[in-house]
Amino acid sequence: MSNPNYVFVLDTNRKPLTPCKPSLARKLLTVGKAKVFRLYPFTIILNKEVVDVLCLACESCNIKKGTKDIKVFLAKKPDVLKRVLAQAKRPLKDAAAVNSTRWTLFNRLKATNLEIKGWL
């Protein structure tokens, strides 16, 4: 990957993941979900739960899968399909809980009539 338009990504165990675009790396760094690991080649290391959201499969599996639906791609491996679908739903449940908590907090802060800055 000699293309300079990608950022190398490491999980919390320092294992390489699929490189990402600089815009995604910038967002992860801004919200504190990643840290700079190395400047050259530019590499970020993810915090704990981000790995589950970003990477459900290895790079070679993603290339083989292409644009196929996951159910079609794993039709011959129902046990793997079941695990992948279960893992894909898990972060969404967590995100729903976080979002509802954030909105409750936001509405309570809004009720104080104070200016709210930097809300993500």
Protein backbone atom coordinates (compact mmCIF):
# COMPACT_ATOMS: atom_id res chain seq x y z
CA MET A 1 0.00 0.00 0.00
CA SER A 2 2.21 2.79 -1.16
CA ASN A 3 -0.77 5.11 -1.71
CA PRO A 4 -0.27 8.09 0.62
CA ASN A 5 -4.03 8.66 0.75
CA TYR A 6 -4.56 5.95 3.34
CA VAL A 7 -3.85 5.77 7.04
CA PHE A 8 -2.65 2.56 8.63
CA VAL A 9 -4.84 1.34 11.50
CA LEU A 10 -3.91 -0.88 14.45
CA ASP A 11 -6.28 -2.48 16.95
CA THR A 12 -5.68 -2.34 20.69
CA ASN A 13 -3.37 -5.37 20.45
CA ARG A 14 -1.27 -3.63 17.77
CA LYS A 15 -2.52 -5.95 15.03
CA PRO A 16 -2.99 -4.28 11.64
CA LEU A 17 -6.49 -3.66 10.32
CA THR A 18 -7.63 -2.47 6.94
CA PRO A 19 -6.21 1.01 6.19
CA CYS A 20 -8.76 3.83 6.23
CA LYS A 21 -9.17 7.18 4.52
CA PRO A 22 -7.59 10.20 6.22
CA SER A 23 -11.03 11.74 6.80
CA LEU A 24 -12.15 8.76 8.91
CA ALA A 25 -8.84 8.77 10.80
CA ARG A 26 -9.26 12.48 11.50
CA LYS A 27 -12.78 11.91 12.87
CA LEU A 28 -11.60 9.07 15.10
CA LEU A 29 -8.74 11.20 16.44
CA THR A 30 -11.00 14.21 17.00
CA VAL A 31 -13.56 12.34 19.09
CA GLY A 32 -10.88 10.47 21.03
CA LYS A 33 -11.55 6.99 19.66
CA ALA A 34 -7.98 6.66 18.35
CA LYS A 35 -4.48 7.95 19.05
CA VAL A 36 -1.51 8.61 16.80
CA PHE A 37 0.78 5.58 16.97
CA ARG A 38 3.44 6.62 14.46
CA LEU A 39 3.95 9.68 12.25
CA TYR A 40 5.74 7.94 9.39
CA PRO A 41 4.07 6.01 7.95
CA PHE A 42 1.12 7.71 9.59
CA THR A 43 -0.54 5.08 11.79
CA ILE A 44 -3.33 5.30 14.33
CA ILE A 45 -4.18 2.89 17.13
CA LEU A 46 -7.81 2.39 18.11
CA ASN A 47 -9.32 2.45 21.56
CA LYS A 48 -11.11 -0.64 22.87
CA GLU A 49 -14.67 -0.77 21.51
CA VAL A 50 -13.99 0.98 18.19
CA VAL A 51 -12.45 -2.17 16.72
CA ASP A 52 -15.76 -4.06 16.84
CA VAL A 53 -17.55 -1.32 14.95
CA LEU A 54 -14.97 -0.79 12.22
CA CYS A 55 -13.80 -4.29 11.39
CA LEU A 56 -16.03 -7.35 11.21
CA ALA A 57 -13.73 -9.25 8.85
CA CYS A 58 -10.17 -9.39 7.66
CA GLU A 59 -9.06 -7.57 4.51
CA SER A 60 -8.96 -10.70 2.34
CA CYS A 61 -12.52 -11.61 3.40
CA ASN A 62 -13.71 -8.09 2.59
CA ILE A 63 -12.12 -8.31 -0.87
CA LYS A 64 -13.68 -11.74 -1.55
CA LYS A 65 -17.07 -10.55 -0.34
CA GLY A 66 -17.03 -7.45 -2.53
CA THR A 67 -20.56 -6.06 -2.89
CA LYS A 68 -22.35 -9.32 -2.15
CA ASP A 69 -24.87 -9.39 0.67
CA ILE A 70 -23.41 -11.05 3.77
CA LYS A 71 -26.18 -13.68 3.75
CA VAL A 72 -25.29 -14.69 0.18
CA PHE A 73 -21.56 -14.63 0.86
CA LEU A 74 -21.80 -16.88 3.94
CA ALA A 75 -24.66 -19.10 2.73
CA LYS A 76 -22.44 -22.21 2.95
CA LYS A 77 -21.28 -21.32 6.49
CA PRO A 78 -24.41 -20.78 8.61
CA ASP A 79 -22.53 -20.89 11.92
CA VAL A 80 -20.17 -18.11 10.83
CA LEU A 81 -23.10 -16.10 9.44
CA LYS A 82 -24.90 -16.34 12.77
CA ARG A 83 -21.85 -15.08 14.69
CA VAL A 84 -21.19 -12.22 12.25
CA LEU A 85 -24.81 -11.04 12.37
CA ALA A 86 -24.84 -11.25 16.17
CA GLN A 87 -21.64 -9.19 16.38
CA ALA A 88 -22.95 -6.65 13.87
CA LYS A 89 -26.04 -6.05 16.04
CA ARG A 90 -24.15 -5.77 19.31
CA PRO A 91 -22.53 -2.37 18.69
CA LEU A 92 -25.86 -1.00 17.43
CA LYS A 93 -27.51 -1.88 20.74
CA ASP A 94 -24.69 -0.11 22.56
CA ALA A 95 -24.98 2.89 20.23
CA ALA A 96 -28.73 3.11 20.81
CA ALA A 97 -28.19 3.18 24.59
CA VAL A 98 -25.48 5.83 24.27
CA ASN A 99 -27.62 7.96 21.95
CA SER A 100 -30.65 7.87 24.23
CA THR A 101 -28.46 8.81 27.20
CA ARG A 102 -26.85 11.64 25.24
CA TRP A 103 -30.23 13.02 24.17
CA THR A 104 -31.53 12.89 27.74
CA LEU A 105 -28.43 14.76 28.92
CA PHE A 106 -28.73 17.26 26.06
CA ASN A 107 -32.38 18.00 26.85
CA ARG A 108 -31.60 18.50 30.54
CA LEU A 109 -28.75 20.86 29.70
CA LYS A 110 -30.95 22.70 27.22
CA ALA A 111 -33.55 23.23 29.96
CA THR A 112 -30.95 25.25 31.93
CA ASN A 113 -30.93 27.85 29.09
CA LEU A 114 -27.13 27.84 29.03
CA GLU A 115 -25.20 27.86 25.78
CA ILE A 116 -24.11 24.38 24.74
CA LYS A 117 -20.87 24.24 22.70
CA GLY A 118 -19.04 21.37 21.03
CA TRP A 119 -21.87 18.85 21.18
CA LEU A 120 -21.06 15.76 19.11
